[in-house]
C-alpha atoms as a PDB file:
ATOM      1  CA  MET A   1    -156.661 -28.154-111.047  1.00  0.00           C
ATOM      2  CA  PRO A   2    -158.621 -26.554-108.513  1.00  0.00           C
ATOM      3  CA  ASN A   3    -157.135 -24.405-105.438  1.00  0.00           C
ATOM      4  CA  LEU A   4    -156.742 -27.233-102.796  1.00  0.00           C
ATOM      5  CA  PHE A   5    -155.571 -24.891-100.133  1.00  0.00           C
ATOM      6  CA  ASN A   6    -158.495 -22.768 -98.690  1.00  0.00           C
ATOM      7  CA  SER A   7    -160.119 -22.802 -95.363  1.00  0.00           C
ATOM      8  CA  ASN A   8    -162.744 -25.205 -96.049  1.00  0.00           C
ATOM      9  CA  PHE A   9    -159.949 -27.658 -97.018  1.00  0.00           C
ATOM     10  CA  ALA A  10    -157.733 -27.275 -94.186  1.00  0.00           C
ATOM     11  CA  HIS A  11    -160.860 -27.329 -91.958  1.00  0.00           C
ATOM     12  CA  ASN A  12    -161.520 -30.476 -93.342  1.00  0.00           C
ATOM     13  CA  CYS A  13    -158.028 -31.676 -93.175  1.00  0.00           C
ATOM     14  CA  ILE A  14    -158.105 -30.771 -89.179  1.00  0.00           C
ATOM     15  CA  ASN A  15    -161.552 -32.999 -88.683  1.00  0.00           C
ATOM     16  CA  ILE A  16    -159.859 -35.766 -89.864  1.00  0.00           C
ATOM     17  CA  ALA A  17    -156.289 -35.077 -87.664  1.00  0.00           C
ATOM     18  CA  ILE A  18    -159.020 -35.205 -84.740  1.00  0.00           C
ATOM     19  CA  ILE A  19    -160.722 -37.985 -85.699  1.00  0.00           C
ATOM     20  CA  LEU A  20    -157.168 -40.287 -85.745  1.00  0.00           C
ATOM     21  CA  VAL A  21    -155.357 -38.676 -82.762  1.00  0.00           C
ATOM     22  CA  ALA A  22    -158.517 -38.457 -80.514  1.00  0.00           C
ATOM     23  CA  ALA A  23    -159.203 -41.969 -80.933  1.00  0.00           C
ATOM     24  CA  ILE A  24    -155.804 -43.247 -80.837  1.00  0.00           C
ATOM     25  CA  THR A  25    -155.170 -41.044 -77.913  1.00  0.00           C
ATOM     26  CA  ALA A  26    -158.321 -41.909 -75.765  1.00  0.00           C
ATOM     27  CA  GLY A  27    -157.515 -45.590 -76.975  1.00  0.00           C
ATOM     28  CA  LEU A  28    -154.206 -45.817 -75.389  1.00  0.00           C
ATOM     29  CA  SER A  29    -154.693 -43.369 -72.124  1.00  0.00           C
ATOM     30  CA  ALA A  30    -158.447 -43.895 -71.573  1.00  0.00           C
ATOM     31  CA  TYR A  31    -160.275 -42.222 -68.416  1.00  0.00           C
ATOM     32  CA  GLY A  32    -159.058 -44.617 -65.347  1.00  0.00           C
ATOM     33  CA  CYS A  33    -155.966 -46.348 -66.814  1.00  0.00           C
ATOM     34  CA  ALA A  34    -152.774 -46.591 -65.426  1.00  0.00           C
ATOM     35  CA  THR A  35    -149.584 -47.085 -66.628  1.00  0.00           C
ATOM     36  CA  LEU A  36    -147.692 -50.202 -64.644  1.00  0.00           C
ATOM     37  CA  PRO A  37    -143.922 -50.014 -63.596  1.00  0.00           C
ATOM     38  CA  THR A  38    -143.482 -52.639 -66.430  1.00  0.00           C
ATOM     39  CA  GLY A  39    -144.641 -50.399 -69.124  1.00  0.00           C
ATOM     40  CA  ALA A  40    -148.154 -52.282 -69.632  1.00  0.00           C
ATOM     41  CA  LEU A  41    -151.636 -50.386 -69.576  1.00  0.00           C
ATOM     42  CA  ASP A  42    -153.849 -51.460 -66.904  1.00  0.00           C
ATOM     43  CA  CYS A  43    -157.348 -50.123 -67.208  1.00  0.00           C
ATOM     44  CA  SER A  44    -159.475 -52.440 -64.646  1.00  0.00           C
ATOM     45  CA  ALA A  45    -160.344 -49.100 -62.631  1.00  0.00           C
ATOM     46  CA  SER A  46    -161.783 -47.253 -65.907  1.00  0.00           C
ATOM     47  CA  THR A  47    -165.137 -46.185 -65.115  1.00  0.00           C
ATOM     48  CA  ILE A  48    -165.601 -45.975 -69.406  1.00  0.00           C
ATOM     49  CA  PRO A  49    -163.903 -48.955 -71.731  1.00  0.00           C
ATOM     50  CA  PRO A  50    -161.059 -47.424 -73.709  1.00  0.00           C
ATOM     51  CA  ALA A  51    -162.806 -48.984 -76.716  1.00  0.00           C
ATOM     52  CA  TRP A  52    -165.892 -47.137 -76.065  1.00  0.00           C
ATOM     53  CA  SER A  53    -164.506 -43.353 -75.257  1.00  0.00           C
ATOM     54  CA  GLY A  54    -162.027 -44.254 -78.404  1.00  0.00           C
ATOM     55  CA  GLY A  55    -165.297 -44.904 -80.553  1.00  0.00           C
ATOM     56  CA  ILE A  56    -167.253 -41.990 -79.469  1.00  0.00           C
ATOM     57  CA  ILE A  57    -164.971 -39.703 -79.639  1.00  0.00           C
ATOM     58  CA  ALA A  58    -164.085 -40.940 -83.302  1.00  0.00           C
ATOM     59  CA  ALA A  59    -167.466 -41.414 -83.911  1.00  0.00           C
ATOM     60  CA  LEU A  60    -168.506 -37.441 -82.669  1.00  0.00           C
ATOM     61  CA  GLY A  61    -165.610 -36.459 -85.402  1.00  0.00           C
ATOM     62  CA  VAL A  62    -167.106 -38.712 -87.935  1.00  0.00           C
ATOM     63  CA  LEU A  63    -170.691 -37.271 -87.140  1.00  0.00           C
ATOM     64  CA  LYS A  64    -168.688 -33.665 -87.911  1.00  0.00           C
ATOM     65  CA  MET A  65    -167.461 -35.110 -91.278  1.00  0.00           C
ATOM     66  CA  VAL A  66    -170.740 -36.364 -92.296  1.00  0.00           C
ATOM     67  CA  ILE A  67    -172.474 -33.574 -91.860  1.00  0.00           C
ATOM     68  CA  ASN A  68    -170.146 -31.682 -93.999  1.00  0.00           C
ATOM     69  CA  VAL A  69    -170.515 -34.290 -96.579  1.00  0.00           C
ATOM     70  CA  ALA A  70    -174.562 -34.001 -96.605  1.00  0.00           C
ATOM     71  CA  ARG A  71    -174.330 -30.193 -96.413  1.00  0.00           C
ATOM     72  CA  ASP A  72    -171.926 -29.634 -99.460  1.00  0.00           C
ATOM     73  CA  GLY A  73    -171.231 -33.164-100.886  1.00  0.00           C
ATOM     74  CA  VAL A  74    -168.094 -34.704-101.421  1.00  0.00           C
ATOM     75  CA  SER A  75    -166.508 -32.795-103.962  1.00  0.00           C
ATOM     76  CA  GLY A  76    -167.316 -29.760-101.166  1.00  0.00           C
ATOM     77  CA  LEU A  77    -164.992 -30.886 -98.944  1.00  0.00           C
ATOM     78  CA  THR A  78    -162.380 -29.178-100.592  1.00  0.00           C
ATOM     79  CA  LYS A  79    -164.604 -26.028-102.345  1.00  0.00           C
ATOM     80  CA  PRO A  80    -162.994 -22.656-101.065  1.00  0.00           C
ATOM     81  CA  GLN A  81    -166.414 -21.290 -98.617  1.00  0.00           C
ATOM     82  CA  PRO A  82    -168.106 -18.025 -99.820  1.00  0.00           C
ATOM     83  CA  PRO A  83    -167.838 -15.625 -98.150  1.00  0.00           C
ATOM     84  CA  VAL A  84    -169.705 -14.479 -95.477  1.00  0.00           C
ATOM     85  CA  GLN A  85    -172.478 -12.348 -96.129  1.00  0.00           C
ATOM     86  CA  LYS A  86    -173.358  -8.943 -93.842  1.00  0.00           C
END
């Protein structure tokens, strides 16, 4: 069984967390949105629609993962990284 706790595996778990948290946060509190006294979210003054801002942030995170997969392959997402060469 491979060692699943290494910096590359942790790095990629964090990437996934960034994608999820950023998408949720951007979707709920997008630029220009305000919480009304009733608790409703009003985004009529937003310069960027919440769907766009959340999508952009999530797409950037997905792009980071795609680059990692293209570089190392899917199995490379859990492999330990080689030592840094000086």
